[in-house]
């Protein structure tokens, strides 16, 4: 059916920070309320071998919403990916955040696919999630710029 179609969205940004610094922020869910649009983070279940490795279940709270997500893929300093398990009436939600070294910093490409469980509402969720994703990328860029180590003067 037409309303069950795959929805896609993407946001891009450039950080002056190295890919390792951006990747570290993405991997550490506890930092997301600092730079992102979420208010609170709880690690429900650790992954292995590290707490926020593949398989970790992370909960992000914003207002009355709780997004329950699973870390799906990690490629050190290059890719962070997660899947939404609960929180919105969506199916097959997967976000992939690709990082590439560029111009002395990091290009960020946050792209997401999903299907909507509610007939005819895919475009509404795509539009709302596009705004949130763009705000997350912008927050990540601002945070890394504000916290970039500057050389000490002699």
N, C-alpha and C. Protein backbone atom coordinates (compact mmCIF):
# COMPACT_ATOMS: atom_id res chain seq x y z
N UNK A 1 0.83 -1.18 0.00
CA UNK A 1 0.00 0.00 0.00
C UNK A 1 0.88 1.24 0.00
N UNK A 2 0.41 2.32 -0.60
CA UNK A 2 1.20 3.54 -0.75
C UNK A 2 1.62 4.13 0.58
N UNK A 3 0.79 4.02 1.61
CA UNK A 3 1.11 4.66 2.90
C UNK A 3 2.13 3.88 3.70
N UNK A 4 2.45 2.69 3.27
CA UNK A 4 3.42 1.88 3.99
C UNK A 4 4.82 2.01 3.38
N UNK A 5 5.00 2.98 2.47
CA UNK A 5 6.26 3.13 1.77
C UNK A 5 7.41 3.53 2.67
N UNK A 6 8.58 3.21 2.21
CA UNK A 6 9.80 3.55 2.94
C UNK A 6 10.00 5.06 2.94
N UNK A 7 10.19 5.61 4.11
CA UNK A 7 10.46 7.04 4.27
C UNK A 7 11.97 7.22 4.45
N UNK A 8 12.50 8.29 3.89
CA UNK A 8 13.94 8.59 4.00
C UNK A 8 14.12 10.05 4.39
N UNK A 9 15.13 10.28 5.19
CA UNK A 9 15.49 11.66 5.51
C UNK A 9 16.99 11.71 5.77
N UNK A 10 17.54 12.90 5.65
CA UNK A 10 18.98 13.06 5.85
C UNK A 10 19.29 14.48 6.28
N UNK A 11 20.36 14.61 7.04
CA UNK A 11 20.88 15.92 7.43
C UNK A 11 22.40 15.84 7.39
N UNK A 12 23.01 16.97 7.04
CA UNK A 12 24.47 17.03 6.94
C UNK A 12 25.00 18.23 7.71
N UNK A 13 26.24 18.11 8.15
CA UNK A 13 26.91 19.21 8.81
C UNK A 13 28.40 18.99 8.76
N UNK A 14 29.14 20.02 9.14
CA UNK A 14 30.60 19.91 9.20
C UNK A 14 31.07 20.43 10.55
N UNK A 15 31.86 19.61 11.23
CA UNK A 15 32.45 19.97 12.51
C UNK A 15 33.94 20.23 12.31
N UNK A 16 34.46 21.18 13.05
CA UNK A 16 35.91 21.43 13.02
C UNK A 16 36.67 20.39 13.84
N UNK A 17 35.96 19.58 14.60
CA UNK A 17 36.59 18.55 15.43
C UNK A 17 36.97 17.34 14.58
N UNK A 18 37.94 16.60 15.09
CA UNK A 18 38.36 15.36 14.43
C UNK A 18 37.25 14.32 14.50
N UNK A 19 37.22 13.37 13.54
CA UNK A 19 36.20 12.32 13.57
C UNK A 19 36.14 11.56 14.91
N UNK A 20 37.28 11.33 15.54
CA UNK A 20 37.29 10.59 16.82
C UNK A 20 36.51 11.33 17.90
N UNK A 21 36.57 12.65 17.92
CA UNK A 21 35.85 13.45 18.92
C UNK A 21 34.34 13.40 18.67
N UNK A 22 33.93 13.48 17.42
CA UNK A 22 32.52 13.43 17.07
C UNK A 22 31.97 12.04 17.35
N UNK A 23 32.71 11.02 16.98
CA UNK A 23 32.32 9.62 17.21
C UNK A 23 32.15 9.35 18.71
N UNK A 24 33.06 9.86 19.51
CA UNK A 24 32.98 9.65 20.96
C UNK A 24 31.68 10.22 21.53
N UNK A 25 31.25 11.37 21.04
CA UNK A 25 29.99 11.97 21.49
C UNK A 25 28.78 11.14 21.07
N UNK A 26 28.81 10.61 19.86
CA UNK A 26 27.70 9.78 19.40
C UNK A 26 27.61 8.49 20.20
N UNK A 27 28.75 7.90 20.48
CA UNK A 27 28.78 6.61 21.18
C UNK A 27 28.36 6.75 22.64
N UNK A 28 28.65 7.88 23.26
CA UNK A 28 28.34 8.09 24.68
C UNK A 28 26.95 8.72 24.81
N UNK A 29 25.94 7.91 25.01
CA UNK A 29 24.57 8.39 25.11
C UNK A 29 24.38 9.46 26.17
N UNK A 30 25.20 9.41 27.22
CA UNK A 30 25.08 10.39 28.30
C UNK A 30 25.37 11.81 27.83
N UNK A 31 26.06 11.96 26.69
CA UNK A 31 26.36 13.30 26.16
C UNK A 31 25.21 13.87 25.33
N UNK A 32 24.31 13.03 24.85
CA UNK A 32 23.27 13.49 23.93
C UNK A 32 22.41 14.61 24.51
N UNK A 33 22.03 14.57 25.80
CA UNK A 33 21.26 15.71 26.33
C UNK A 33 22.04 17.03 26.33
N UNK A 34 23.37 16.95 26.31
CA UNK A 34 24.21 18.14 26.30
C UNK A 34 24.18 18.85 24.95
N UNK A 35 24.20 18.09 23.87
CA UNK A 35 24.28 18.70 22.54
C UNK A 35 23.06 18.45 21.67
N UNK A 36 22.22 17.50 22.05
CA UNK A 36 21.09 17.12 21.20
C UNK A 36 19.76 17.68 21.66
N UNK A 37 18.70 17.13 21.12
CA UNK A 37 17.35 17.58 21.42
C UNK A 37 16.69 16.74 22.51
N UNK A 38 17.41 15.78 23.07
CA UNK A 38 16.85 14.93 24.13
C UNK A 38 17.14 15.53 25.50
N UNK A 39 16.27 15.20 26.47
CA UNK A 39 16.42 15.77 27.81
C UNK A 39 17.17 14.86 28.77
N UNK A 40 17.00 13.54 28.59
CA UNK A 40 17.56 12.62 29.57
C UNK A 40 17.93 11.31 28.89
N UNK A 41 18.98 10.68 29.40
CA UNK A 41 19.48 9.41 28.86
C UNK A 41 19.56 8.38 29.98
N UNK A 42 19.17 7.14 29.65
CA UNK A 42 19.33 6.01 30.57
C UNK A 42 19.83 4.82 29.77
N UNK A 43 20.91 4.22 30.23
CA UNK A 43 21.40 2.99 29.61
C UNK A 43 20.61 1.83 30.24
N UNK A 44 19.71 1.25 29.46
CA UNK A 44 18.85 0.16 29.97
C UNK A 44 19.61 -1.15 30.06
N UNK A 45 20.36 -1.45 29.00
CA UNK A 45 21.10 -2.71 28.96
C UNK A 45 22.42 -2.48 28.24
N UNK A 46 23.53 -2.80 28.89
CA UNK A 46 24.82 -2.60 28.24
C UNK A 46 25.05 -3.60 27.11
N UNK A 47 25.90 -3.17 26.18
CA UNK A 47 26.34 -4.06 25.11
C UNK A 47 27.60 -4.76 25.58
N UNK A 48 28.32 -5.37 24.64
CA UNK A 48 29.56 -6.06 24.98
C UNK A 48 30.53 -5.88 23.81
N UNK A 49 31.75 -5.58 24.03
CA UNK A 49 32.51 -5.67 25.27
C UNK A 49 32.42 -4.40 26.14
N UNK A 50 31.95 -3.29 25.58
CA UNK A 50 31.81 -2.05 26.34
C UNK A 50 30.33 -1.78 26.57
N UNK A 51 30.00 -0.99 27.59
CA UNK A 51 28.58 -0.73 27.87
C UNK A 51 27.79 -0.18 26.68
N UNK A 52 28.37 0.70 25.87
CA UNK A 52 27.63 1.27 24.75
C UNK A 52 28.13 0.72 23.42
N UNK A 53 28.36 -0.58 23.40
CA UNK A 53 28.73 -1.30 22.19
C UNK A 53 27.48 -1.77 21.46
N UNK A 54 27.67 -2.47 20.37
CA UNK A 54 26.56 -3.04 19.61
C UNK A 54 25.71 -3.89 20.55
N UNK A 55 24.41 -3.70 20.45
CA UNK A 55 23.47 -4.44 21.28
C UNK A 55 22.99 -3.68 22.50
N UNK A 56 23.68 -2.61 22.85
CA UNK A 56 23.26 -1.80 24.01
C UNK A 56 21.87 -1.23 23.75
N UNK A 57 21.03 -1.23 24.79
CA UNK A 57 19.71 -0.61 24.70
C UNK A 57 19.79 0.72 25.43
N UNK A 58 19.50 1.80 24.69
CA UNK A 58 19.60 3.15 25.23
C UNK A 58 18.23 3.81 25.19
N UNK A 59 17.85 4.47 26.27
CA UNK A 59 16.58 5.18 26.35
C UNK A 59 16.85 6.68 26.40
N UNK A 60 16.14 7.40 25.54
CA UNK A 60 16.23 8.85 25.50
C UNK A 60 14.84 9.41 25.79
N UNK A 61 14.77 10.32 26.73
CA UNK A 61 13.50 10.91 27.15
C UNK A 61 13.45 12.37 26.73
N UNK A 62 12.33 12.77 26.16
CA UNK A 62 12.06 14.16 25.82
C UNK A 62 10.59 14.40 26.11
N UNK A 63 10.32 15.28 27.07
CA UNK A 63 8.92 15.51 27.45
C UNK A 63 8.28 14.21 27.86
N UNK A 64 7.14 13.89 27.24
CA UNK A 64 6.44 12.66 27.59
C UNK A 64 6.88 11.47 26.73
N UNK A 65 7.81 11.70 25.83
CA UNK A 65 8.26 10.64 24.94
C UNK A 65 9.49 9.93 25.47
N UNK A 66 9.50 8.61 25.27
CA UNK A 66 10.67 7.80 25.60
C UNK A 66 11.01 6.99 24.35
N UNK A 67 12.18 7.24 23.80
CA UNK A 67 12.65 6.50 22.65
C UNK A 67 13.57 5.40 23.16
N UNK A 68 13.25 4.18 22.83
CA UNK A 68 14.06 3.03 23.22
C UNK A 68 14.81 2.58 21.97
N UNK A 69 16.13 2.64 22.03
CA UNK A 69 16.95 2.38 20.84
C UNK A 69 18.02 1.34 21.13
N UNK A 70 18.42 0.64 20.09
CA UNK A 70 19.49 -0.36 20.20
C UNK A 70 20.64 0.06 19.30
N UNK A 71 21.85 0.07 19.85
CA UNK A 71 23.04 0.35 19.04
C UNK A 71 23.18 -0.81 18.05
N UNK A 72 23.18 -0.49 16.76
CA UNK A 72 23.16 -1.52 15.72
C UNK A 72 24.51 -1.76 15.05
N UNK A 73 25.30 -0.70 14.91
CA UNK A 73 26.57 -0.84 14.20
C UNK A 73 27.53 0.24 14.66
N UNK A 74 28.78 -0.17 14.86
CA UNK A 74 29.84 0.77 15.21
C UNK A 74 31.04 0.51 14.32
N UNK A 75 31.52 1.54 13.67
CA UNK A 75 32.78 1.49 12.94
C UNK A 75 33.57 2.67 13.51
N UNK A 76 34.56 2.37 14.29
CA UNK A 76 35.26 3.41 15.06
C UNK A 76 35.65 4.60 14.20
N UNK A 77 35.21 5.78 14.68
CA UNK A 77 35.50 7.08 14.06
C UNK A 77 34.91 7.26 12.66
N UNK A 78 34.06 6.31 12.21
CA UNK A 78 33.48 6.40 10.86
C UNK A 78 31.96 6.27 10.83
N UNK A 79 31.39 5.42 11.69
CA UNK A 79 29.95 5.19 11.61
C UNK A 79 29.38 4.80 12.97
N UNK A 80 28.20 5.37 13.24
CA UNK A 80 27.41 5.02 14.42
C UNK A 80 25.99 4.81 13.92
N UNK A 81 25.39 3.67 14.26
CA UNK A 81 24.05 3.38 13.77
C UNK A 81 23.20 2.81 14.90
N UNK A 82 21.92 3.19 14.87
CA UNK A 82 21.00 2.67 15.89
C UNK A 82 19.64 2.39 15.27
N UNK A 83 18.87 1.54 15.96
CA UNK A 83 17.52 1.19 15.55
C UNK A 83 16.54 1.57 16.65
N UNK A 84 15.41 2.11 16.26
CA UNK A 84 14.35 2.44 17.21
C UNK A 84 13.59 1.16 17.52
N UNK A 85 13.49 0.83 18.80
CA UNK A 85 12.75 -0.35 19.23
C UNK A 85 11.32 0.01 19.64
N UNK A 86 11.17 1.15 20.33
CA UNK A 86 9.87 1.60 20.82
C UNK A 86 9.88 3.11 20.96
N UNK A 87 8.69 3.69 20.95
CA UNK A 87 8.57 5.12 21.22
C UNK A 87 7.75 5.88 20.21
N UNK A 88 7.74 5.40 18.98
CA UNK A 88 6.95 6.03 17.91
C UNK A 88 6.29 4.92 17.10
N UNK A 89 5.18 5.22 16.43
CA UNK A 89 4.51 4.19 15.63
C UNK A 89 5.21 3.99 14.28
N UNK A 90 6.46 3.55 14.37
CA UNK A 90 7.28 3.35 13.18
C UNK A 90 7.80 1.92 13.16
N UNK A 91 8.10 1.46 11.99
CA UNK A 91 8.63 0.12 11.78
C UNK A 91 9.95 0.23 11.03
N UNK A 92 10.91 -0.57 11.39
CA UNK A 92 12.16 -0.62 10.64
C UNK A 92 12.97 0.66 10.67
N UNK A 93 12.83 1.44 11.75
CA UNK A 93 13.55 2.72 11.87
C UNK A 93 15.03 2.43 12.09
N UNK A 94 15.86 2.97 11.23
CA UNK A 94 17.31 2.82 11.38
C UNK A 94 17.97 4.14 11.00
N UNK A 95 18.78 4.64 11.90
CA UNK A 95 19.57 5.85 11.64
C UNK A 95 21.03 5.44 11.51
N UNK A 96 21.68 6.00 10.51
CA UNK A 96 23.11 5.75 10.27
C UNK A 96 23.78 7.12 10.24
N UNK A 97 24.80 7.27 11.05
CA UNK A 97 25.55 8.53 11.08
C UNK A 97 26.96 8.23 10.58
N UNK A 98 27.24 8.70 9.38
CA UNK A 98 28.56 8.51 8.77
C UNK A 98 29.42 9.73 9.02
N UNK A 99 30.66 9.48 9.38
CA UNK A 99 31.64 10.54 9.65
C UNK A 99 32.80 10.38 8.69
N UNK A 100 33.24 11.48 8.06
CA UNK A 100 34.41 11.44 7.20
C UNK A 100 35.29 12.64 7.46
N UNK A 101 36.57 12.36 7.55
CA UNK A 101 37.54 13.43 7.72
C UNK A 101 37.50 14.32 6.48
N UNK A 102 37.39 15.64 6.71
CA UNK A 102 37.33 16.59 5.58
C UNK A 102 37.68 17.99 6.07
N UNK A 103 38.48 18.67 5.31
CA UNK A 103 38.82 20.07 5.59
C UNK A 103 39.26 20.31 7.03
N UNK A 104 40.09 19.43 7.54
CA UNK A 104 40.63 19.58 8.89
C UNK A 104 39.61 19.27 9.99
N UNK A 105 38.50 18.70 9.64
CA UNK A 105 37.46 18.37 10.62
C UNK A 105 36.70 17.13 10.19
N UNK A 106 35.37 17.16 10.38
CA UNK A 106 34.55 15.99 10.11
C UNK A 106 33.26 16.38 9.39
N UNK A 107 33.00 15.73 8.27
CA UNK A 107 31.70 15.84 7.63
C UNK A 107 30.78 14.82 8.29
N UNK A 108 29.58 15.25 8.64
CA UNK A 108 28.59 14.41 9.32
C UNK A 108 27.42 14.21 8.36
N UNK A 109 27.05 12.96 8.13
CA UNK A 109 25.89 12.63 7.30
C UNK A 109 25.00 11.69 8.11
N UNK A 110 23.89 12.22 8.61
CA UNK A 110 22.94 11.48 9.45
C UNK A 110 21.75 11.14 8.56
N UNK A 111 21.59 9.88 8.25
CA UNK A 111 20.49 9.48 7.37
C UNK A 111 19.67 8.37 8.01
N UNK A 112 18.37 8.43 7.74
CA UNK A 112 17.41 7.56 8.42
C UNK A 112 16.38 7.02 7.44
N UNK A 113 15.98 5.78 7.68
CA UNK A 113 14.88 5.17 6.93
C UNK A 113 13.90 4.56 7.93
N UNK A 114 12.62 4.53 7.54
CA UNK A 114 11.59 3.92 8.39
C UNK A 114 10.31 3.76 7.59
N UNK A 115 9.40 3.00 8.12
CA UNK A 115 8.04 2.87 7.61
C UNK A 115 7.09 3.26 8.74
N UNK A 116 6.01 3.89 8.40
CA UNK A 116 5.04 4.33 9.40
C UNK A 116 3.97 3.26 9.58
N UNK A 117 3.61 2.99 10.82
CA UNK A 117 2.55 2.02 11.12
C UNK A 117 1.17 2.63 10.92
N UNK A 118 1.07 3.95 10.94
CA UNK A 118 -0.22 4.63 10.82
C UNK A 118 -0.46 5.01 9.35
N UNK A 119 -1.50 4.47 8.75
CA UNK A 119 -1.75 4.74 7.33
C UNK A 119 -1.82 6.24 7.02
N UNK A 120 -1.07 6.63 5.97
CA UNK A 120 -1.10 8.01 5.50
C UNK A 120 -0.32 9.02 6.32
N UNK A 121 0.37 8.57 7.37
CA UNK A 121 1.06 9.51 8.26
C UNK A 121 2.58 9.53 8.07
N UNK A 122 3.10 8.77 7.14
CA UNK A 122 4.55 8.72 6.93
C UNK A 122 5.15 10.08 6.69
N UNK A 123 4.50 10.90 5.87
CA UNK A 123 5.03 12.22 5.56
C UNK A 123 5.08 13.11 6.80
N UNK A 124 4.12 12.95 7.71
CA UNK A 124 4.09 13.76 8.94
C UNK A 124 5.29 13.40 9.81
N UNK A 125 5.52 12.10 9.99
CA UNK A 125 6.67 11.68 10.80
C UNK A 125 7.98 12.04 10.12
N UNK A 126 8.04 11.90 8.79
CA UNK A 126 9.26 12.27 8.07
C UNK A 126 9.57 13.75 8.28
N UNK A 127 8.56 14.59 8.18
CA UNK A 127 8.76 16.03 8.35
C UNK A 127 9.23 16.37 9.77
N UNK A 128 8.57 15.80 10.78
CA UNK A 128 8.96 16.07 12.18
C UNK A 128 10.35 15.52 12.47
N UNK A 129 10.63 14.31 12.00
CA UNK A 129 11.94 13.71 12.26
C UNK A 129 13.05 14.39 11.47
N UNK A 130 12.72 14.95 10.32
CA UNK A 130 13.72 15.73 9.56
C UNK A 130 14.18 16.93 10.39
N UNK A 131 13.23 17.62 11.01
CA UNK A 131 13.57 18.78 11.85
C UNK A 131 14.43 18.35 13.04
N UNK A 132 14.02 17.29 13.71
CA UNK A 132 14.78 16.80 14.87
C UNK A 132 16.18 16.38 14.45
N UNK A 133 16.29 15.66 13.35
CA UNK A 133 17.60 15.20 12.88
C UNK A 133 18.49 16.38 12.51
N UNK A 134 17.94 17.36 11.81
CA UNK A 134 18.72 18.56 11.47
C UNK A 134 19.18 19.28 12.73
N UNK A 135 18.30 19.37 13.72
CA UNK A 135 18.66 20.00 15.00
C UNK A 135 19.74 19.21 15.73
N UNK A 136 19.69 17.89 15.65
CA UNK A 136 20.71 17.05 16.29
C UNK A 136 22.08 17.30 15.64
N UNK A 137 22.11 17.32 14.32
CA UNK A 137 23.37 17.57 13.61
C UNK A 137 23.90 18.97 13.96
N UNK A 138 23.03 19.96 13.94
CA UNK A 138 23.45 21.33 14.27
C UNK A 138 23.97 21.41 15.70
N UNK A 139 23.31 20.73 16.62
CA UNK A 139 23.77 20.71 18.02
C UNK A 139 25.12 20.04 18.18
N UNK A 140 25.33 18.97 17.45
CA UNK A 140 26.62 18.27 17.47
C UNK A 140 27.73 19.17 16.94
N UNK A 141 27.45 19.88 15.85
CA UNK A 141 28.43 20.80 15.27
C UNK A 141 28.74 21.93 16.25
N UNK A 142 27.70 22.53 16.84
CA UNK A 142 27.91 23.63 17.80
C UNK A 142 28.70 23.15 19.02
N UNK A 143 28.33 21.99 19.54
CA UNK A 143 29.00 21.47 20.73
C UNK A 143 30.48 21.19 20.47
N UNK A 144 30.78 20.58 19.34
CA UNK A 144 32.19 20.27 19.05
C UNK A 144 32.99 21.54 18.79
N UNK A 145 32.35 22.56 18.21
CA UNK A 145 33.04 23.84 17.98
C UNK A 145 33.33 24.54 19.31
N UNK A 146 32.36 24.51 20.20
CA UNK A 146 32.50 25.19 21.50
C UNK A 146 33.50 24.48 22.41
N UNK A 147 33.68 23.18 22.21
CA UNK A 147 34.53 22.39 23.10
C UNK A 147 35.83 21.93 22.46
N UNK A 148 36.12 22.45 21.28
CA UNK A 148 37.36 22.08 20.60
C UNK A 148 38.54 22.65 21.37
N UNK A 149 39.53 21.80 21.59
CA UNK A 149 40.70 22.28 22.31
C UNK A 149 41.45 23.25 21.43
N UNK A 150 41.77 24.37 22.02
CA UNK A 150 42.55 25.37 21.31
C UNK A 150 43.99 25.31 21.80
N UNK A 151 44.93 25.60 20.90
CA UNK A 151 46.34 25.56 21.33
C UNK A 151 46.58 26.59 22.43
N UNK A 152 47.42 26.23 23.38
CA UNK A 152 47.75 27.17 24.45
C UNK A 152 48.78 28.17 23.93
N UNK A 153 48.65 29.42 24.33
CA UNK A 153 49.61 30.43 23.89
C UNK A 153 50.88 30.34 24.73
N UNK A 154 51.99 30.74 24.15
CA UNK A 154 53.27 30.65 24.85
C UNK A 154 53.72 32.01 25.28
